[in-house]
Amino acid sequence: MLLDDVISSFDTNHRKRFAELIFEKFSKYQIILLTHEYDWFKNFVSPLAKQKNWIINEIKWTESKGTFLDEKPNDLKERIEKSIVESNIEGLGNPIRIYLEHSLKEICSNLDVKVSFRYNDFNEKRMPDELINALKSRIKDKSEELKEEFPTIERVANSALFGNLLSHDNPSNPKIGDLKAFWSDILALENIFVCDKEDCRRPRVSLKNYDTVAKTIRCGCGHSNYDWK
């Protein structure tokens, strides 16, 4: 179903109801929604879609790239690893930095990490260094076992500085070994918070899987777990 800017002439009280109608009456359809009404999409359509566990692809546009979809983390990971295998380092720093930011956001969300308040979309622009600092602070208060992983987290913090250099116009000349080490640090951080069992249906270590008896946070199958006050 293609909807092309259909609410432009709607009264305000009908816009919310129309967003609800899409999900109540047309849940079995694929929806292509084009709109200039950013606040309506962000405040009504997107939250409803997330509640229904719909997959959301937001089409973006820039003068340089035209119309495009952001790469999903798995697609980005595949491209990064392919470039590393082929020793193709041109433009590789920025994708690695983007992947790191996504990974840190997911880890921090799963552990209910507290960061300073930001208005609206500024929450989506958290930098790796502030996420890492907030993650460390959360772990210090909650888990002795995770504190033992601080050396790995510190390596990622140092690598994040390197990633920022690669993402901007500067005279740095990275080597393939540097990029491999950077990527290895990111994967090591992820492995702390992801179960390695293939049959684990919820592999992310999360507060959603909190064990109130053992007082641990864990993955869905319980193989990966850490003490949590």
C-alpha atoms as a PDB file:
ATOM      1  CA  MET A   1       0.000   0.000   0.000  1.00  0.00           C
ATOM      2  CA  LEU A   2       1.512   3.308  -1.107  1.00  0.00           C
ATOM      3  CA  LEU A   3       0.564   6.422   0.870  1.00  0.00           C
ATOM      4  CA  ASP A   4       1.926   9.642  -0.588  1.00  0.00           C
ATOM      5  CA  ASP A   5       1.679  12.580   1.835  1.00  0.00           C
ATOM      6  CA  VAL A   6      -1.964  11.779   2.533  1.00  0.00           C
ATOM      7  CA  ILE A   7      -2.329  13.713   5.812  1.00  0.00           C
ATOM      8  CA  SER A   8      -1.202  17.146   4.586  1.00  0.00           C
ATOM      9  CA  SER A   9      -4.776  18.495   4.683  1.00  0.00           C
ATOM     10  CA  PHE A  10      -5.920  16.539   7.755  1.00  0.00           C
ATOM     11  CA  ASP A  11      -7.060  18.310  10.907  1.00  0.00           C
ATOM     12  CA  THR A  12      -4.781  17.672  13.858  1.00  0.00           C
ATOM     13  CA  ASN A  13      -7.291  15.459  15.686  1.00  0.00           C
ATOM     14  CA  HIS A  14      -7.543  13.138  12.647  1.00  0.00           C
ATOM     15  CA  ARG A  15      -3.808  12.583  12.202  1.00  0.00           C
ATOM     16  CA  LYS A  16      -3.353  10.427  15.275  1.00  0.00           C
ATOM     17  CA  ARG A  17      -6.458   8.399  14.412  1.00  0.00           C
ATOM     18  CA  PHE A  18      -5.242   7.819  10.860  1.00  0.00           C
ATOM     19  CA  ALA A  19      -1.893   6.471  12.146  1.00  0.00           C
ATOM     20  CA  GLU A  20      -3.788   4.065  14.421  1.00  0.00           C
ATOM     21  CA  LEU A  21      -6.055   3.023  11.536  1.00  0.00           C
ATOM     22  CA  ILE A  22      -3.049   1.867   9.478  1.00  0.00           C
ATOM     23  CA  PHE A  23      -2.049  -0.648  12.136  1.00  0.00           C
ATOM     24  CA  GLU A  24      -5.536  -1.699  13.232  1.00  0.00           C
ATOM     25  CA  LYS A  25      -7.072  -2.356   9.809  1.00  0.00           C
ATOM     26  CA  PHE A  26      -4.118  -2.967   7.473  1.00  0.00           C
ATOM     27  CA  SER A  27      -1.676  -4.981   9.581  1.00  0.00           C
ATOM     28  CA  LYS A  28      -1.277  -7.631   6.858  1.00  0.00           C
ATOM     29  CA  TYR A  29      -0.144  -5.145   4.234  1.00  0.00           C
ATOM     30  CA  GLN A  30       3.297  -3.791   3.422  1.00  0.00           C
ATOM     31  CA  ILE A  31       3.091  -0.024   3.816  1.00  0.00           C
ATOM     32  CA  ILE A  32       5.150   2.464   1.826  1.00  0.00           C
ATOM     33  CA  LEU A  33       4.564   5.791   3.558  1.00  0.00           C
ATOM     34  CA  LEU A  34       5.882   9.035   2.056  1.00  0.00           C
ATOM     35  CA  THR A  35       5.389  12.151   4.150  1.00  0.00           C
ATOM     36  CA  HIS A  36       6.805  15.596   4.849  1.00  0.00           C
ATOM     37  CA  GLU A  37       5.124  15.549   8.284  1.00  0.00           C
ATOM     38  CA  TYR A  38       8.189  14.604  10.314  1.00  0.00           C
ATOM     39  CA  ASP A  39       6.613  15.121  13.755  1.00  0.00           C
ATOM     40  CA  TRP A  40       3.598  12.988  12.859  1.00  0.00           C
ATOM     41  CA  PHE A  41       5.799  10.167  11.617  1.00  0.00           C
ATOM     42  CA  LYS A  42       8.152  10.358  14.596  1.00  0.00           C
ATOM     43  CA  ASN A  43       5.545  10.774  17.331  1.00  0.00           C
ATOM     44  CA  PHE A  44       2.703   8.557  16.072  1.00  0.00           C
ATOM     45  CA  VAL A  45       3.599   6.248  13.180  1.00  0.00           C
ATOM     46  CA  SER A  46       7.045   5.081  14.299  1.00  0.00           C
ATOM     47  CA  PRO A  47       6.077   4.265  17.936  1.00  0.00           C
ATOM     48  CA  LEU A  48       3.026   2.297  16.780  1.00  0.00           C
ATOM     49  CA  ALA A  49       5.123   0.354  14.277  1.00  0.00           C
ATOM     50  CA  LYS A  50       7.637  -0.540  16.986  1.00  0.00           C
ATOM     51  CA  GLN A  51       4.872  -1.700  19.330  1.00  0.00           C
ATOM     52  CA  LYS A  52       3.641  -4.050  16.591  1.00  0.00           C
ATOM     53  CA  ASN A  53       7.206  -5.299  15.955  1.00  0.00           C
ATOM     54  CA  TRP A  54       7.077  -4.095  12.366  1.00  0.00           C
ATOM     55  CA  ILE A  55      10.349  -3.806  10.468  1.00  0.00           C
ATOM     56  CA  ILE A  56      10.939  -0.135   9.702  1.00  0.00           C
ATOM     57  CA  ASN A  57      13.133   1.091   6.873  1.00  0.00           C
ATOM     58  CA  GLU A  58      13.352   4.862   6.793  1.00  0.00           C
ATOM     59  CA  ILE A  59      14.118   6.208   3.309  1.00  0.00           C
ATOM     60  CA  LYS A  60      16.544   9.144   3.458  1.00  0.00           C
ATOM     61  CA  TRP A  61      17.807  11.638   0.922  1.00  0.00           C
ATOM     62  CA  THR A  62      20.931  13.767   0.555  1.00  0.00           C
ATOM     63  CA  GLU A  63      22.222  15.800  -2.365  1.00  0.00           C
ATOM     64  CA  SER A  64      25.320  13.630  -2.673  1.00  0.00           C
ATOM     65  CA  LYS A  65      23.687  10.181  -2.304  1.00  0.00           C
ATOM     66  CA  GLY A  66      20.150  10.805  -3.517  1.00  0.00           C
ATOM     67  CA  THR A  67      17.532   8.412  -2.088  1.00  0.00           C
ATOM     68  CA  PHE A  68      18.949   5.658   0.101  1.00  0.00           C
ATOM     69  CA  LEU A  69      18.369   3.313   3.034  1.00  0.00           C
ATOM     70  CA  ASP A  70      20.777   3.139   5.933  1.00  0.00           C
ATOM     71  CA  GLU A  71      22.651  -0.129   6.053  1.00  0.00           C
ATOM     72  CA  LYS A  72      21.521  -2.542   8.730  1.00  0.00           C
ATOM     73  CA  PRO A  73      24.209  -3.550  11.270  1.00  0.00           C
ATOM     74  CA  ASN A  74      24.513  -7.074   9.838  1.00  0.00           C
ATOM     75  CA  ASP A  75      24.972  -5.737   6.305  1.00  0.00           C
ATOM     76  CA  LEU A  76      27.507  -3.226   7.570  1.00  0.00           C
ATOM     77  CA  LYS A  77      29.397  -5.944   9.459  1.00  0.00           C
ATOM     78  CA  GLU A  78      29.560  -8.114   6.352  1.00  0.00           C
ATOM     79  CA  ARG A  79      30.919  -5.226   4.272  1.00  0.00           C
ATOM     80  CA  ILE A  80      33.544  -4.345   6.896  1.00  0.00           C
ATOM     81  CA  GLU A  81      34.796  -7.927   7.198  1.00  0.00           C
ATOM     82  CA  LYS A  82      34.921  -8.311   3.405  1.00  0.00           C
ATOM     83  CA  SER A  83      37.037  -5.147   3.121  1.00  0.00           C
ATOM     84  CA  ILE A  84      39.397  -6.337   5.869  1.00  0.00           C
ATOM     85  CA  VAL A  85      39.860  -9.735   4.213  1.00  0.00           C
ATOM     86  CA  GLU A  86      40.644  -7.994   0.923  1.00  0.00           C
ATOM     87  CA  SER A  87      42.912  -5.432   2.687  1.00  0.00           C
ATOM     88  CA  ASN A  88      40.780  -2.664   1.202  1.00  0.00           C
ATOM     89  CA  ILE A  89      41.139   0.153   3.720  1.00  0.00           C
ATOM     90  CA  GLU A  90      39.826   3.041   1.623  1.00  0.00           C
ATOM     91  CA  GLY A  91      36.893   4.636   3.446  1.00  0.00           C
ATOM     92  CA  LEU A  92      36.758   1.789   5.973  1.00  0.00           C
ATOM     93  CA  GLY A  93      37.129   3.884   9.139  1.00  0.00           C
ATOM     94  CA  ASN A  94      33.693   5.482   8.967  1.00  0.00           C
ATOM     95  CA  PRO A  95      31.693   2.215   8.609  1.00  0.00           C
ATOM     96  CA  ILE A  96      33.609   0.747  11.554  1.00  0.00           C
ATOM     97  CA  ARG A  97      32.835   3.815  13.672  1.00  0.00           C
ATOM     98  CA  ILE A  98      29.132   3.637  12.723  1.00  0.00           C
ATOM     99  CA  TYR A  99      29.012  -0.049  13.622  1.00  0.00           C
ATOM    100  CA  LEU A 100      30.693   0.658  16.978  1.00  0.00           C
ATOM    101  CA  GLU A 101      28.122   3.344  17.791  1.00  0.00           C
ATOM    102  CA  HIS A 102      25.244   0.994  16.991  1.00  0.00           C
ATOM    103  CA  SER A 103      26.746  -1.820  19.062  1.00  0.00           C
ATOM    104  CA  LEU A 104      27.322   0.439  22.071  1.00  0.00           C
ATOM    105  CA  LYS A 105      23.782   1.825  21.878  1.00  0.00           C
ATOM    106  CA  GLU A 106      22.349  -1.685  21.910  1.00  0.00           C
ATOM    107  CA  ILE A 107      24.530  -2.765  24.849  1.00  0.00           C
ATOM    108  CA  CYS A 108      23.652   0.375  26.814  1.00  0.00           C
ATOM    109  CA  SER A 109      19.954  -0.062  26.086  1.00  0.00           C
ATOM    110  CA  ASN A 110      19.998  -3.701  27.249  1.00  0.00           C
ATOM    111  CA  LEU A 111      21.719  -2.748  30.513  1.00  0.00           C
ATOM    112  CA  ASP A 112      19.611   0.378  31.114  1.00  0.00           C
ATOM    113  CA  VAL A 113      22.741   2.548  31.116  1.00  0.00           C
ATOM    114  CA  LYS A 114      22.115   6.130  32.202  1.00  0.00           C
ATOM    115  CA  VAL A 115      23.396   8.972  30.042  1.00  0.00           C
ATOM    116  CA  SER A 116      22.838  12.701  30.336  1.00  0.00           C
ATOM    117  CA  PHE A 117      19.577  14.094  29.014  1.00  0.00           C
ATOM    118  CA  ARG A 118      19.341  15.175  25.373  1.00  0.00           C
ATOM    119  CA  TYR A 119      16.392  16.589  23.461  1.00  0.00           C
ATOM    120  CA  ASN A 120      14.695  14.361  20.871  1.00  0.00           C
ATOM    121  CA  ASP A 121      16.987  13.254  18.027  1.00  0.00           C
ATOM    122  CA  PHE A 122      20.136  14.311  19.880  1.00  0.00           C
ATOM    123  CA  ASN A 123      19.739  11.068  21.831  1.00  0.00           C
ATOM    124  CA  GLU A 124      20.464   9.233  18.570  1.00  0.00           C
ATOM    125  CA  LYS A 125      23.777  11.044  18.149  1.00  0.00           C
ATOM    126  CA  ARG A 126      25.600   9.700  21.188  1.00  0.00           C
ATOM    127  CA  MET A 127      29.325   9.415  20.646  1.00  0.00           C
ATOM    128  CA  PRO A 128      31.228   6.216  21.542  1.00  0.00           C
ATOM    129  CA  ASP A 129      33.300   7.866  24.267  1.00  0.00           C
ATOM    130  CA  GLU A 130      30.278   9.067  26.265  1.00  0.00           C
ATOM    131  CA  LEU A 131      28.512   5.715  25.849  1.00  0.00           C
ATOM    132  CA  ILE A 132      31.612   3.841  27.027  1.00  0.00           C
ATOM    133  CA  ASN A 133      32.007   6.116  30.069  1.00  0.00           C
ATOM    134  CA  ALA A 134      28.336   5.663  30.978  1.00  0.00           C
ATOM    135  CA  LEU A 135      28.611   1.886  30.496  1.00  0.00           C
ATOM    136  CA  LYS A 136      31.645   1.686  32.791  1.00  0.00           C
ATOM    137  CA  SER A 137      29.878   3.753  35.429  1.00  0.00           C
ATOM    138  CA  ARG A 138      26.861   1.440  35.317  1.00  0.00           C
ATOM    139  CA  ILE A 139      29.025  -1.674  35.605  1.00  0.00           C
ATOM    140  CA  LYS A 140      30.967  -0.250  38.578  1.00  0.00           C
ATOM    141  CA  ASP A 141      27.706   0.087  40.510  1.00  0.00           C
ATOM    142  CA  LYS A 142      26.220  -3.249  39.507  1.00  0.00           C
ATOM    143  CA  SER A 143      28.612  -6.084  38.628  1.00  0.00           C
ATOM    144  CA  GLU A 144      31.918  -7.318  40.014  1.00  0.00           C
ATOM    145  CA  GLU A 145      32.219  -9.901  37.238  1.00  0.00           C
ATOM    146  CA  LEU A 146      31.772  -7.364  34.458  1.00  0.00           C
ATOM    147  CA  LYS A 147      34.353  -5.085  36.083  1.00  0.00           C
ATOM    148  CA  GLU A 148      36.892  -7.759  35.161  1.00  0.00           C
ATOM    149  CA  GLU A 149      36.133  -6.963  31.494  1.00  0.00           C
ATOM    150  CA  PHE A 150      37.266  -3.332  31.870  1.00  0.00           C
ATOM    151  CA  PRO A 151      40.575  -3.929  29.996  1.00  0.00           C
ATOM    152  CA  THR A 152      38.587  -4.937  26.894  1.00  0.00           C
ATOM    153  CA  ILE A 153      36.264  -1.955  27.272  1.00  0.00           C
ATOM    154  CA  GLU A 154      39.270   0.363  27.688  1.00  0.00           C
ATOM    155  CA  ARG A 155      40.798  -0.953  24.458  1.00  0.00           C
ATOM    156  CA  VAL A 156      37.590  -0.082  22.645  1.00  0.00           C
ATOM    157  CA  ALA A 157      37.681   3.405  24.176  1.00  0.00           C
ATOM    158  CA  ASN A 158      41.185   3.927  22.817  1.00  0.00           C
ATOM    159  CA  SER A 159      40.156   2.526  19.440  1.00  0.00           C
ATOM    160  CA  ALA A 160      37.177   4.891  19.329  1.00  0.00           C
ATOM    161  CA  LEU A 161      39.558   7.845  19.273  1.00  0.00           C
ATOM    162  CA  PHE A 162      41.302   6.240  16.305  1.00  0.00           C
ATOM    163  CA  GLY A 163      37.923   5.732  14.624  1.00  0.00           C
ATOM    164  CA  ASN A 164      37.011   9.390  14.972  1.00  0.00           C
ATOM    165  CA  LEU A 165      40.235  10.354  13.194  1.00  0.00           C
ATOM    166  CA  LEU A 166      39.436   8.039  10.308  1.00  0.00           C
ATOM    167  CA  SER A 167      35.925   9.456   9.971  1.00  0.00           C
ATOM    168  CA  HIS A 168      37.037  13.006   9.238  1.00  0.00           C
ATOM    169  CA  ASP A 169      39.234  14.777   6.744  1.00  0.00           C
ATOM    170  CA  ASN A 170      42.741  14.534   8.176  1.00  0.00           C
ATOM    171  CA  PRO A 171      46.207  13.501   7.016  1.00  0.00           C
ATOM    172  CA  SER A 172      46.299  10.224   8.974  1.00  0.00           C
ATOM    173  CA  ASN A 173      47.483   7.196   7.011  1.00  0.00           C
ATOM    174  CA  PRO A 174      45.994   4.079   8.630  1.00  0.00           C
ATOM    175  CA  LYS A 175      47.470   0.652   8.038  1.00  0.00           C
ATOM    176  CA  ILE A 176      45.475  -2.549   7.585  1.00  0.00           C
ATOM    177  CA  GLY A 177      46.929  -3.865  10.859  1.00  0.00           C
ATOM    178  CA  ASP A 178      45.543  -0.845  12.731  1.00  0.00           C
ATOM    179  CA  LEU A 179      42.080  -1.401  11.283  1.00  0.00           C
ATOM    180  CA  LYS A 180      42.170  -5.121  12.059  1.00  0.00           C
ATOM    181  CA  ALA A 181      43.052  -4.344  15.680  1.00  0.00           C
ATOM    182  CA  PHE A 182      40.269  -1.730  15.853  1.00  0.00           C
ATOM    183  CA  TRP A 183      37.708  -4.220  14.508  1.00  0.00           C
ATOM    184  CA  SER A 184      38.989  -6.978  16.799  1.00  0.00           C
ATOM    185  CA  ASP A 185      38.448  -4.704  19.830  1.00  0.00           C
ATOM    186  CA  ILE A 186      34.831  -4.075  18.800  1.00  0.00           C
ATOM    187  CA  LEU A 187      34.109  -7.787  18.336  1.00  0.00           C
ATOM    188  CA  ALA A 188      35.707  -8.566  21.712  1.00  0.00           C
ATOM    189  CA  LEU A 189      33.405  -6.028  23.370  1.00  0.00           C
ATOM    190  CA  GLU A 190      30.345  -7.523  21.668  1.00  0.00           C
ATOM    191  CA  ASN A 191      31.315 -11.028  22.743  1.00  0.00           C
ATOM    192  CA  ILE A 192      31.100  -9.988  26.392  1.00  0.00           C
ATOM    193  CA  PHE A 193      27.396  -9.269  25.984  1.00  0.00           C
ATOM    194  CA  VAL A 194      26.359 -11.870  23.386  1.00  0.00           C
ATOM    195  CA  CYS A 195      25.887 -15.609  23.965  1.00  0.00           C
ATOM    196  CA  ASP A 196      27.969 -17.847  21.695  1.00  0.00           C
ATOM    197  CA  LYS A 197      25.485 -20.738  21.730  1.00  0.00           C
ATOM    198  CA  GLU A 198      23.922 -21.171  18.285  1.00  0.00           C
ATOM    199  CA  ASP A 199      20.592 -22.355  19.704  1.00  0.00           C
ATOM    200  CA  CYS A 200      20.184 -19.366  22.064  1.00  0.00           C
ATOM    201  CA  ARG A 201      17.071 -17.542  20.883  1.00  0.00           C
ATOM    202  CA  ARG A 202      17.813 -14.343  22.830  1.00  0.00           C
ATOM    203  CA  PRO A 203      21.604 -14.115  22.690  1.00  0.00           C
ATOM    204  CA  ARG A 204      21.918 -10.549  24.008  1.00  0.00           C
ATOM    205  CA  VAL A 205      22.726 -10.218  27.717  1.00  0.00           C
ATOM    206  CA  SER A 206      19.932  -7.991  28.960  1.00  0.00           C
ATOM    207  CA  LEU A 207      18.021  -6.840  32.012  1.00  0.00           C
ATOM    208  CA  LYS A 208      14.959  -8.304  30.306  1.00  0.00           C
ATOM    209  CA  ASN A 209      16.416 -11.694  31.285  1.00  0.00           C
ATOM    210  CA  TYR A 210      17.198 -10.700  34.885  1.00  0.00           C
ATOM    211  CA  ASP A 211      17.265 -13.680  37.261  1.00  0.00           C
ATOM    212  CA  THR A 212      15.717 -12.459  40.504  1.00  0.00           C
ATOM    213  CA  VAL A 213      16.832 -15.568  42.433  1.00  0.00           C
ATOM    214  CA  ALA A 214      20.486 -15.706  41.359  1.00  0.00           C
ATOM    215  CA  LYS A 215      20.619 -11.902  40.943  1.00  0.00           C
ATOM    216  CA  THR A 216      22.233 -12.124  37.522  1.00  0.00           C
ATOM    217  CA  ILE A 217      21.703 -10.645  34.103  1.00  0.00           C
ATOM    218  CA  ARG A 218      21.916 -13.183  31.324  1.00  0.00           C
ATOM    219  CA  CYS A 219      21.109 -14.167  27.760  1.00  0.00           C
ATOM    220  CA  GLY A 220      17.936 -16.088  26.956  1.00  0.00           C
ATOM    221  CA  CYS A 221      19.417 -19.542  27.568  1.00  0.00           C
ATOM    222  CA  GLY A 222      21.420 -18.502  30.664  1.00  0.00           C
ATOM    223  CA  HIS A 223      24.802 -19.559  29.311  1.00  0.00           C
ATOM    224  CA  SER A 224      26.172 -16.002  29.351  1.00  0.00           C
ATOM    225  CA  ASN A 225      25.478 -14.450  32.746  1.00  0.00           C
ATOM    226  CA  TYR A 226      26.972 -11.932  35.189  1.00  0.00           C
ATOM    227  CA  ASP A 227      26.229 -10.918  38.759  1.00  0.00           C
ATOM    228  CA  TRP A 228      24.032  -7.822  38.977  1.00  0.00           C
ATOM    229  CA  LYS A 229      23.123  -6.026  42.189  1.00  0.00           C
END
